């Protein structure tokens, strides 16, 4: 398993991300729009380096994405 900056998140991390998205009340289109602001067209492309920040941004208010840049 690679831990480089280019490594993508695991399937378990994707499942957790989807749970956080549902808990935040985002629908599929809102989730896609949110991820696109981070430069991701798909959750399977999310880098481990960005994962925690993305989860926190969704959990604590998905409108706060700009504060992470």
Protein backbone atom coordinates (compact mmCIF):
# COMPACT_ATOMS: atom_id res chain seq x y z
CA UNK A 1 0.00 0.00 0.00
CA UNK A 2 1.38 3.37 -1.01
CA UNK A 3 1.35 6.33 1.33
CA UNK A 4 2.64 8.87 -1.16
CA UNK A 5 0.92 12.19 -1.76
CA UNK A 6 -0.61 10.71 -4.92
CA UNK A 7 -2.26 7.76 -3.14
CA UNK A 8 -6.04 7.76 -3.33
CA UNK A 9 -8.41 6.95 -0.50
CA UNK A 10 -9.44 3.39 0.27
CA UNK A 11 -12.88 1.90 -0.26
CA UNK A 12 -13.49 2.11 3.51
CA UNK A 13 -12.63 5.82 3.43
CA UNK A 14 -15.02 6.34 0.50
CA UNK A 15 -17.81 4.63 2.47
CA UNK A 16 -17.09 6.88 5.47
CA UNK A 17 -17.11 9.93 3.19
CA UNK A 18 -20.52 8.92 1.80
CA UNK A 19 -21.83 8.50 5.36
CA UNK A 20 -20.60 12.00 6.25
CA UNK A 21 -22.20 13.39 3.08
CA UNK A 22 -25.55 11.77 3.94
CA UNK A 23 -25.34 12.96 7.55
CA UNK A 24 -24.71 16.51 6.32
CA UNK A 25 -27.87 16.30 4.21
CA UNK A 26 -26.17 16.68 0.84
CA UNK A 27 -27.78 15.07 -2.19
CA UNK A 28 -25.73 13.53 -5.01
CA UNK A 29 -25.57 16.72 -7.08
CA UNK A 30 -24.52 18.83 -4.09
CA UNK A 31 -21.84 16.28 -3.21
CA UNK A 32 -20.52 16.28 -6.79
CA UNK A 33 -20.48 20.07 -6.83
CA UNK A 34 -18.65 20.16 -3.50
CA UNK A 35 -16.01 17.67 -4.65
CA UNK A 36 -15.53 19.57 -7.91
CA UNK A 37 -14.55 22.64 -5.87
CA UNK A 38 -11.70 20.52 -4.54
CA UNK A 39 -10.78 19.49 -8.09
CA UNK A 40 -12.26 16.00 -7.99
CA UNK A 41 -14.70 14.60 -10.56
CA UNK A 42 -15.13 11.40 -8.54
CA UNK A 43 -14.68 10.32 -4.94
CA UNK A 44 -12.46 7.48 -6.16
CA UNK A 45 -9.88 10.09 -7.21
CA UNK A 46 -9.60 11.83 -3.82
CA UNK A 47 -6.05 11.87 -2.54
CA UNK A 48 -5.36 10.75 1.00
CA UNK A 49 -3.65 14.09 1.51
CA UNK A 50 -7.01 15.90 1.05
CA UNK A 51 -9.31 13.35 2.67
CA UNK A 52 -9.40 14.66 6.25
CA UNK A 53 -9.89 18.26 5.16
CA UNK A 54 -12.73 17.28 2.82
CA UNK A 55 -14.45 15.21 5.51
CA UNK A 56 -14.11 18.03 8.04
CA UNK A 57 -15.39 20.62 5.58
CA UNK A 58 -18.49 18.52 4.91
CA UNK A 59 -19.08 17.59 8.55
CA UNK A 60 -18.65 21.13 9.86
CA UNK A 61 -20.38 22.99 7.07
CA UNK A 62 -19.84 22.28 3.39
CA UNK A 63 -19.93 26.00 2.63
CA UNK A 64 -16.58 26.39 4.38
CA UNK A 65 -14.60 24.83 1.51
CA UNK A 66 -12.93 28.14 0.68
CA UNK A 67 -11.33 28.31 4.14
CA UNK A 68 -9.18 25.29 3.28
CA UNK A 69 -7.49 26.96 0.31
